[in-house]
PDB file of N, CA and C in Angstrom:
ATOM      1  N   UNK A   1     -83.158 -54.536 177.897  1.00  0.00           N
ATOM      2  CA  UNK A   1     -82.665 -54.785 176.737  1.00  0.00           C
ATOM      3  C   UNK A   1     -84.080 -54.769 175.404  1.00  0.00           C
ATOM      4  N   UNK A   2     -84.404 -53.963 174.690  1.00  0.00           N
ATOM      5  CA  UNK A   2     -85.303 -53.837 173.732  1.00  0.00           C
ATOM      6  C   UNK A   2     -85.144 -54.740 172.620  1.00  0.00           C
ATOM      7  N   UNK A   3     -86.512 -55.459 172.500  1.00  0.00           N
ATOM      8  CA  UNK A   3     -86.471 -56.234 171.653  1.00  0.00           C
ATOM      9  C   UNK A   3     -87.139 -56.035 170.208  1.00  0.00           C
ATOM     10  N   UNK A   4     -87.012 -56.479 168.960  1.00  0.00           N
ATOM     11  CA  UNK A   4     -87.731 -56.163 167.565  1.00  0.00           C
ATOM     12  C   UNK A   4     -88.857 -57.340 167.600  1.00  0.00           C
ATOM     13  N   UNK A   5     -90.127 -56.757 168.308  1.00  0.00           N
ATOM     14  CA  UNK A   5     -91.059 -57.456 168.243  1.00  0.00           C
ATOM     15  C   UNK A   5     -92.278 -57.139 166.926  1.00  0.00           C
ATOM     16  N   UNK A   6     -92.241 -55.977 166.723  1.00  0.00           N
ATOM     17  CA  UNK A   6     -92.839 -55.281 165.762  1.00  0.00           C
ATOM     18  C   UNK A   6     -92.796 -55.461 163.863  1.00  0.00           C
ATOM     19  N   UNK A   7     -91.056 -55.166 163.867  1.00  0.00           N
ATOM     20  CA  UNK A   7     -90.920 -55.426 162.487  1.00  0.00           C
ATOM     21  C   UNK A   7     -90.151 -56.504 162.191  1.00  0.00           C
ATOM     22  N   UNK A   8     -89.873 -57.320 162.353  1.00  0.00           N
ATOM     23  CA  UNK A   8     -89.425 -58.784 162.330  1.00  0.00           C
ATOM     24  C   UNK A   8     -90.143 -59.540 161.576  1.00  0.00           C
ATOM     25  N   UNK A   9     -89.481 -60.436 160.974  1.00  0.00           N
ATOM     26  CA  UNK A   9     -90.140 -61.193 160.184  1.00  0.00           C
ATOM     27  C   UNK A   9     -90.051 -62.577 160.443  1.00  0.00           C
ATOM     28  N   UNK A  10     -90.400 -63.598 160.646  1.00  0.00           N
ATOM     29  CA  UNK A  10     -90.073 -65.483 160.772  1.00  0.00           C
ATOM     30  C   UNK A  10     -90.359 -65.978 160.053  1.00  0.00           C
ATOM     31  N   UNK A  11     -89.550 -66.998 159.344  1.00  0.00           N
ATOM     32  CA  UNK A  11     -90.014 -67.907 158.310  1.00  0.00           C
ATOM     33  C   UNK A  11     -89.796 -69.338 158.739  1.00  0.00           C
ATOM     34  N   UNK A  12     -90.780 -70.264 158.222  1.00  0.00           N
ATOM     35  CA  UNK A  12     -90.587 -71.938 158.910  1.00  0.00           C
ATOM     36  C   UNK A  12     -90.503 -72.058 157.015  1.00  0.00           C
ATOM     37  N   UNK A  13     -89.680 -73.536 157.467  1.00  0.00           N
ATOM     38  CA  UNK A  13     -89.554 -74.032 156.334  1.00  0.00           C
ATOM     39  C   UNK A  13     -89.425 -75.407 156.660  1.00  0.00           C
ATOM     40  N   UNK A  14     -90.047 -76.558 155.909  1.00  0.00           N
ATOM     41  CA  UNK A  14     -89.878 -77.943 156.085  1.00  0.00           C
ATOM     42  C   UNK A  14     -88.392 -78.195 156.103  1.00  0.00           C
ATOM     43  N   UNK A  15     -87.684 -79.216 156.792  1.00  0.00           N
ATOM     44  CA  UNK A  15     -86.698 -80.146 156.367  1.00  0.00           C
ATOM     45  C   UNK A  15     -86.547 -81.138 156.407  1.00  0.00           C
ATOM     46  N   UNK A  16     -86.420 -81.332 155.246  1.00  0.00           N
ATOM     47  CA  UNK A  16     -86.751 -83.029 154.407  1.00  0.00           C
ATOM     48  C   UNK A  16     -85.412 -84.339 154.747  1.00  0.00           C
ATOM     49  N   UNK A  17     -84.631 -83.521 154.983  1.00  0.00           N
ATOM     50  CA  UNK A  17     -83.269 -84.271 155.039  1.00  0.00           C
ATOM     51  C   UNK A  17     -83.592 -84.665 156.430  1.00  0.00           C
ATOM     52  N   UNK A  18     -83.510 -86.323 156.803  1.00  0.00           N
ATOM     53  CA  UNK A  18     -83.247 -86.859 158.080  1.00  0.00           C
ATOM     54  C   UNK A  18     -81.920 -86.715 159.037  1.00  0.00           C
ATOM     55  N   UNK A  19     -81.083 -86.459 157.914  1.00  0.00           N
ATOM     56  CA  UNK A  19     -79.592 -86.188 158.600  1.00  0.00           C
ATOM     57  C   UNK A  19     -79.517 -84.905 159.037  1.00  0.00           C
ATOM     58  N   UNK A  20     -80.043 -83.886 158.123  1.00  0.00           N
ATOM     59  CA  UNK A  20     -80.222 -82.333 158.769  1.00  0.00           C
ATOM     60  C   UNK A  20     -81.042 -82.281 159.994  1.00  0.00           C
ATOM     61  N   UNK A  21     -82.340 -82.884 160.025  1.00  0.00           N
ATOM     62  CA  UNK A  21     -82.971 -83.224 160.935  1.00  0.00           C
ATOM     63  C   UNK A  21     -82.731 -83.129 162.415  1.00  0.00           C
ATOM     64  N   UNK A  22     -81.569 -84.497 162.347  1.00  0.00           N
ATOM     65  CA  UNK A  22     -80.886 -84.658 163.343  1.00  0.00           C
ATOM     66  C   UNK A  22     -79.889 -83.637 163.991  1.00  0.00           C
ATOM     67  N   UNK A  23     -78.985 -83.087 162.980  1.00  0.00           N
ATOM     68  CA  UNK A  23     -78.585 -82.180 163.424  1.00  0.00           C
ATOM     69  C   UNK A  23     -78.923 -81.160 163.896  1.00  0.00           C
ATOM     70  N   UNK A  24     -80.178 -81.006 163.701  1.00  0.00           N
ATOM     71  CA  UNK A  24     -81.288 -79.577 164.131  1.00  0.00           C
ATOM     72  C   UNK A  24     -81.769 -80.189 165.671  1.00  0.00           C
ATOM     73  N   UNK A  25     -81.912 -81.253 165.787  1.00  0.00           N
ATOM     74  CA  UNK A  25     -82.731 -81.617 167.078  1.00  0.00           C
ATOM     75  C   UNK A  25     -81.087 -81.866 168.395  1.00  0.00           C
ATOM     76  N   UNK A  26     -80.044 -82.217 167.652  1.00  0.00           N
ATOM     77  CA  UNK A  26     -78.749 -82.209 168.713  1.00  0.00           C
ATOM     78  C   UNK A  26     -78.401 -81.063 169.160  1.00  0.00           C
ATOM     79  N   UNK A  27     -78.413 -79.741 168.189  1.00  0.00           N
ATOM     80  CA  UNK A  27     -78.274 -78.509 168.590  1.00  0.00           C
ATOM     81  C   UNK A  27     -79.172 -77.952 170.030  1.00  0.00           C
ATOM     82  N   UNK A  28     -80.581 -78.350 169.361  1.00  0.00           N
ATOM     83  CA  UNK A  28     -81.371 -77.916 170.270  1.00  0.00           C
ATOM     84  C   UNK A  28     -81.104 -78.327 171.536  1.00  0.00           C
ATOM     85  N   UNK A  29     -81.049 -79.885 171.251  1.00  0.00           N
ATOM     86  CA  UNK A  29     -81.084 -80.668 172.968  1.00  0.00           C
ATOM     87  C   UNK A  29     -79.883 -80.075 173.507  1.00  0.00           C
ATOM     88  N   UNK A  30     -78.702 -79.711 173.070  1.00  0.00           N
ATOM     89  CA  UNK A  30     -77.645 -79.106 173.706  1.00  0.00           C
ATOM     90  C   UNK A  30     -77.779 -77.663 174.115  1.00  0.00           C
ATOM     91  N   UNK A  31     -78.691 -77.194 173.280  1.00  0.00           N
ATOM     92  CA  UNK A  31     -78.637 -75.760 173.924  1.00  0.00           C
ATOM     93  C   UNK A  31     -79.980 -75.924 175.102  1.00  0.00           C
ATOM     94  N   UNK A  32     -80.693 -76.773 175.120  1.00  0.00           N
ATOM     95  CA  UNK A  32     -81.825 -76.435 176.213  1.00  0.00           C
ATOM     96  C   UNK A  32     -81.059 -77.604 177.375  1.00  0.00           C
ATOM     97  N   UNK A  33     -80.076 -78.051 177.421  1.00  0.00           N
ATOM     98  CA  UNK A  33     -79.563 -78.981 178.224  1.00  0.00           C
ATOM     99  C   UNK A  33     -78.619 -78.113 179.042  1.00  0.00           C
ATOM    100  N   UNK A  34     -77.731 -76.680 178.516  1.00  0.00           N
ATOM    101  CA  UNK A  34     -76.849 -76.002 179.116  1.00  0.00           C
ATOM    102  C   UNK A  34     -77.370 -75.339 179.867  1.00  0.00           C
ATOM    103  N   UNK A  35     -76.712 -75.620 181.368  1.00  0.00           N
ATOM    104  CA  UNK A  35     -76.515 -75.189 182.911  1.00  0.00           C
ATOM    105  C   UNK A  35     -75.645 -74.558 183.475  1.00  0.00           C
ATOM    106  N   UNK A  36     -74.675 -73.930 182.276  1.00  0.00           N
ATOM    107  CA  UNK A  36     -73.490 -72.834 182.594  1.00  0.00           C
ATOM    108  C   UNK A  36     -74.175 -71.660 183.001  1.00  0.00           C
ATOM    109  N   UNK A  37     -74.285 -71.237 182.093  1.00  0.00           N
ATOM    110  CA  UNK A  37     -74.720 -70.021 181.896  1.00  0.00           C
ATOM    111  C   UNK A  37     -76.747 -69.633 181.737  1.00  0.00           C
ATOM    112  N   UNK A  38     -77.308 -70.642 182.536  1.00  0.00           N
ATOM    113  CA  UNK A  38     -79.087 -70.422 182.335  1.00  0.00           C
ATOM    114  C   UNK A  38     -78.986 -69.505 183.692  1.00  0.00           C
ATOM    115  N   UNK A  39     -80.236 -68.709 183.022  1.00  0.00           N
ATOM    116  CA  UNK A  39     -81.135 -68.283 183.471  1.00  0.00           C
ATOM    117  C   UNK A  39     -83.018 -68.594 183.544  1.00  0.00           C
ATOM    118  N   UNK A  40     -83.364 -68.451 184.659  1.00  0.00           N
ATOM    119  CA  UNK A  40     -85.134 -68.490 184.226  1.00  0.00           C
ATOM    120  C   UNK A  40     -85.754 -67.739 184.815  1.00  0.00           C
ATOM    121  N   UNK A  41     -86.659 -67.245 183.891  1.00  0.00           N
ATOM    122  CA  UNK A  41     -87.679 -66.036 184.411  1.00  0.00           C
ATOM    123  C   UNK A  41     -88.690 -66.533 185.281  1.00  0.00           C
ATOM    124  N   UNK A  42     -88.559 -66.152 186.435  1.00  0.00           N
ATOM    125  CA  UNK A  42     -89.814 -66.442 187.465  1.00  0.00           C
ATOM    126  C   UNK A  42     -91.202 -66.012 187.021  1.00  0.00           C
ATOM    127  N   UNK A  43     -92.086 -66.026 187.716  1.00  0.00           N
ATOM    128  CA  UNK A  43     -93.606 -65.972 187.366  1.00  0.00           C
ATOM    129  C   UNK A  43     -93.770 -64.116 187.723  1.00  0.00           C
ATOM    130  N   UNK A  44     -92.694 -63.785 188.695  1.00  0.00           N
ATOM    131  CA  UNK A  44     -93.131 -62.365 189.221  1.00  0.00           C
ATOM    132  C   UNK A  44     -92.080 -61.865 188.436  1.00  0.00           C
ATOM    133  N   UNK A  45     -91.604 -61.778 187.323  1.00  0.00           N
ATOM    134  CA  UNK A  45     -90.686 -61.275 186.707  1.00  0.00           C
ATOM    135  C   UNK A  45     -89.231 -61.355 186.757  1.00  0.00           C
ATOM    136  N   UNK A  46     -88.574 -61.737 187.966  1.00  0.00           N
ATOM    137  CA  UNK A  46     -87.271 -61.880 188.343  1.00  0.00           C
ATOM    138  C   UNK A  46     -86.644 -62.509 187.942  1.00  0.00           C
ATOM    139  N   UNK A  47     -85.312 -62.484 187.486  1.00  0.00           N
ATOM    140  CA  UNK A  47     -84.462 -63.894 186.772  1.00  0.00           C
ATOM    141  C   UNK A  47     -83.948 -64.586 187.926  1.00  0.00           C
ATOM    142  N   UNK A  48     -83.716 -65.913 187.685  1.00  0.00           N
ATOM    143  CA  UNK A  48     -82.933 -66.329 188.894  1.00  0.00           C
ATOM    144  C   UNK A  48     -81.762 -67.356 187.926  1.00  0.00           C
ATOM    145  N   UNK A  49     -80.611 -67.239 188.427  1.00  0.00           N
ATOM    146  CA  UNK A  49     -79.120 -68.152 187.945  1.00  0.00           C
ATOM    147  C   UNK A  49     -79.877 -69.778 188.576  1.00  0.00           C
ATOM    148  N   UNK A  50     -79.426 -70.588 186.913  1.00  0.00           N
ATOM    149  CA  UNK A  50     -79.762 -71.703 187.844  1.00  0.00           C
ATOM    150  C   UNK A  50     -78.282 -72.387 187.991  1.00  0.00           C
ATOM    151  N   UNK A  51     -78.198 -73.170 189.246  1.00  0.00           N
ATOM    152  CA  UNK A  51     -77.181 -73.869 189.606  1.00  0.00           C
ATOM    153  C   UNK A  51     -77.404 -75.263 189.311  1.00  0.00           C
ATOM    154  N   UNK A  52     -76.426 -75.745 188.526  1.00  0.00           N
ATOM    155  CA  UNK A  52     -76.556 -77.151 188.241  1.00  0.00           C
ATOM    156  C   UNK A  52     -76.310 -78.198 189.490  1.00  0.00           C
ATOM    157  N   UNK A  53     -77.353 -78.782 189.471  1.00  0.00           N
ATOM    158  CA  UNK A  53     -77.357 -79.888 190.474  1.00  0.00           C
ATOM    159  C   UNK A  53     -76.025 -80.925 190.609  1.00  0.00           C
ATOM    160  N   UNK A  54     -75.314 -81.464 190.045  1.00  0.00           N
ATOM    161  CA  UNK A  54     -74.349 -81.699 189.785  1.00  0.00           C
ATOM    162  C   UNK A  54     -73.033 -81.133 189.098  1.00  0.00           C
ATOM    163  N   UNK A  55     -72.423 -80.004 189.667  1.00  0.00           N
ATOM    164  CA  UNK A  55     -71.387 -79.297 189.043  1.00  0.00           C
ATOM    165  C   UNK A  55     -70.336 -80.602 188.034  1.00  0.00           C
ATOM    166  N   UNK A  56     -70.148 -81.521 188.467  1.00  0.00           N
ATOM    167  CA  UNK A  56     -68.773 -82.226 187.402  1.00  0.00           C
ATOM    168  C   UNK A  56     -69.933 -82.407 186.260  1.00  0.00           C
ATOM    169  N   UNK A  57     -71.606 -82.664 186.204  1.00  0.00           N
ATOM    170  CA  UNK A  57     -72.096 -82.758 184.866  1.00  0.00           C
ATOM    171  C   UNK A  57     -72.603 -82.255 184.188  1.00  0.00           C
ATOM    172  N   UNK A  58     -72.218 -80.773 184.559  1.00  0.00           N
ATOM    173  CA  UNK A  58     -72.819 -79.327 183.838  1.00  0.00           C
ATOM    174  C   UNK A  58     -72.549 -79.575 182.616  1.00  0.00           C
ATOM    175  N   UNK A  59     -73.132 -78.922 181.677  1.00  0.00           N
ATOM    176  CA  UNK A  59     -73.607 -78.791 180.299  1.00  0.00           C
ATOM    177  C   UNK A  59     -73.384 -77.764 179.368  1.00  0.00           C
ATOM    178  N   UNK A  60     -72.575 -77.738 178.772  1.00  0.00           N
ATOM    179  CA  UNK A  60     -72.375 -76.067 178.164  1.00  0.00           C
ATOM    180  C   UNK A  60     -72.578 -76.459 176.769  1.00  0.00           C
ATOM    181  N   UNK A  61     -73.181 -75.648 176.039  1.00  0.00           N
ATOM    182  CA  UNK A  61     -73.950 -75.555 175.043  1.00  0.00           C
ATOM    183  C   UNK A  61     -72.498 -74.933 174.092  1.00  0.00           C
ATOM    184  N   UNK A  62     -71.804 -73.916 174.412  1.00  0.00           N
ATOM    185  CA  UNK A  62     -70.997 -73.506 173.377  1.00  0.00           C
ATOM    186  C   UNK A  62     -69.380 -75.020 173.522  1.00  0.00           C
ATOM    187  N   UNK A  63     -69.386 -75.225 174.899  1.00  0.00           N
ATOM    188  CA  UNK A  63     -68.411 -76.611 174.290  1.00  0.00           C
ATOM    189  C   UNK A  63     -68.668 -77.643 173.588  1.00  0.00           C
ATOM    190  N   UNK A  64     -69.744 -77.403 173.676  1.00  0.00           N
ATOM    191  CA  UNK A  64     -70.731 -79.198 172.605  1.00  0.00           C
ATOM    192  C   UNK A  64     -70.690 -78.753 171.600  1.00  0.00           C
ATOM    193  N   UNK A  65     -70.717 -77.181 171.427  1.00  0.00           N
ATOM    194  CA  UNK A  65     -71.015 -76.839 169.636  1.00  0.00           C
ATOM    195  C   UNK A  65     -69.336 -76.824 169.078  1.00  0.00           C
ATOM    196  N   UNK A  66     -68.224 -76.571 169.768  1.00  0.00           N
ATOM    197  CA  UNK A  66     -66.949 -75.960 169.747  1.00  0.00           C
ATOM    198  C   UNK A  66     -66.688 -78.159 169.302  1.00  0.00           C
ATOM    199  N   UNK A  67     -66.999 -79.064 170.286  1.00  0.00           N
ATOM    200  CA  UNK A  67     -66.875 -80.285 169.811  1.00  0.00           C
ATOM    201  C   UNK A  67     -67.011 -81.212 168.726  1.00  0.00           C
ATOM    202  N   UNK A  68     -68.280 -80.631 168.584  1.00  0.00           N
ATOM    203  CA  UNK A  68     -68.982 -80.791 167.181  1.00  0.00           C
ATOM    204  C   UNK A  68     -68.505 -80.332 166.017  1.00  0.00           C
ATOM    205  N   UNK A  69     -67.981 -79.200 166.316  1.00  0.00           N
ATOM    206  CA  UNK A  69     -67.365 -78.610 165.135  1.00  0.00           C
ATOM    207  C   UNK A  69     -66.233 -79.332 164.683  1.00  0.00           C
ATOM    208  N   UNK A  70     -65.150 -79.647 165.827  1.00  0.00           N
ATOM    209  CA  UNK A  70     -63.779 -79.997 165.520  1.00  0.00           C
ATOM    210  C   UNK A  70     -63.981 -81.564 164.892  1.00  0.00           C
ATOM    211  N   UNK A  71     -64.988 -82.360 165.065  1.00  0.00           N
ATOM    212  CA  UNK A  71     -65.296 -83.592 165.256  1.00  0.00           C
ATOM    213  C   UNK A  71     -65.805 -83.529 163.534  1.00  0.00           C
ATOM    214  N   UNK A  72     -66.677 -82.491 162.964  1.00  0.00           N
ATOM    215  CA  UNK A  72     -66.981 -82.391 161.768  1.00  0.00           C
ATOM    216  C   UNK A  72     -65.697 -81.779 160.908  1.00  0.00           C
ATOM    217  N   UNK A  73     -64.883 -81.236 161.392  1.00  0.00           N
ATOM    218  CA  UNK A  73     -63.629 -80.807 160.974  1.00  0.00           C
ATOM    219  C   UNK A  73     -62.613 -82.043 160.403  1.00  0.00           C
ATOM    220  N   UNK A  74     -62.306 -82.703 161.391  1.00  0.00           N
ATOM    221  CA  UNK A  74     -61.437 -83.733 161.467  1.00  0.00           C
ATOM    222  C   UNK A  74     -61.794 -84.693 160.148  1.00  0.00           C
ATOM    223  N   UNK A  75     -63.106 -84.754 160.536  1.00  0.00           N
ATOM    224  CA  UNK A  75     -63.909 -85.751 159.245  1.00  0.00           C
ATOM    225  C   UNK A  75     -64.018 -85.642 158.187  1.00  0.00           C
ATOM    226  N   UNK A  76     -63.665 -84.376 157.885  1.00  0.00           N
ATOM    227  CA  UNK A  76     -64.030 -83.602 156.600  1.00  0.00           C
ATOM    228  C   UNK A  76     -62.284 -83.613 156.055  1.00  0.00           C
ATOM    229  N   UNK A  77     -61.762 -83.564 156.869  1.00  0.00           N
ATOM    230  CA  UNK A  77     -60.260 -83.602 156.502  1.00  0.00           C
ATOM    231  C   UNK A  77     -59.871 -85.254 156.017  1.00  0.00           C
ATOM    232  N   UNK A  78     -60.223 -86.039 156.789  1.00  0.00           N
ATOM    233  CA  UNK A  78     -60.054 -87.624 156.508  1.00  0.00           C
ATOM    234  C   UNK A  78     -60.309 -87.761 155.313  1.00  0.00           C
ATOM    235  N   UNK A  79     -61.604 -87.406 154.755  1.00  0.00           N
ATOM    236  CA  UNK A  79     -62.481 -87.759 153.823  1.00  0.00           C
ATOM    237  C   UNK A  79     -61.717 -87.172 152.868  1.00  0.00           C
ATOM    238  N   UNK A  80     -61.240 -85.771 152.456  1.00  0.00           N
ATOM    239  CA  UNK A  80     -60.616 -85.040 151.660  1.00  0.00           C
ATOM    240  C   UNK A  80     -59.282 -85.934 151.337  1.00  0.00           C
ATOM    241  N   UNK A  81     -58.494 -86.276 152.565  1.00  0.00           N
ATOM    242  CA  UNK A  81     -57.523 -87.110 151.996  1.00  0.00           C
ATOM    243  C   UNK A  81     -57.328 -88.409 151.606  1.00  0.00           C
ATOM    244  N   UNK A  82     -58.311 -88.980 151.631  1.00  0.00           N
ATOM    245  CA  UNK A  82     -59.004 -90.452 151.133  1.00  0.00           C
ATOM    246  C   UNK A  82     -59.680 -90.586 149.888  1.00  0.00           C
ATOM    247  N   UNK A  83     -60.189 -88.936 149.111  1.00  0.00           N
ATOM    248  CA  UNK A  83     -60.873 -89.169 148.353  1.00  0.00           C
ATOM    249  C   UNK A  83     -60.049 -88.531 147.091  1.00  0.00           C
TER     250      UNK A  83
END
């Protein structure tokens, strides 16, 4: 797959809200813990699929983000009903 490494722009900005920083950390932690579709690039350039050590304890970033989204939606609905 081709990558656009020559004509892309990356921007960094400070995240001053502690709540937003926690959310970013939670999303990144979930992404790094995902072992359901994980592959590792070896030093020789070969990709190897990661097999979870304990299949019952595998972590799916997609499922985690879906749960977080539903939880946020429910909390928002409760707040709208209460407010």
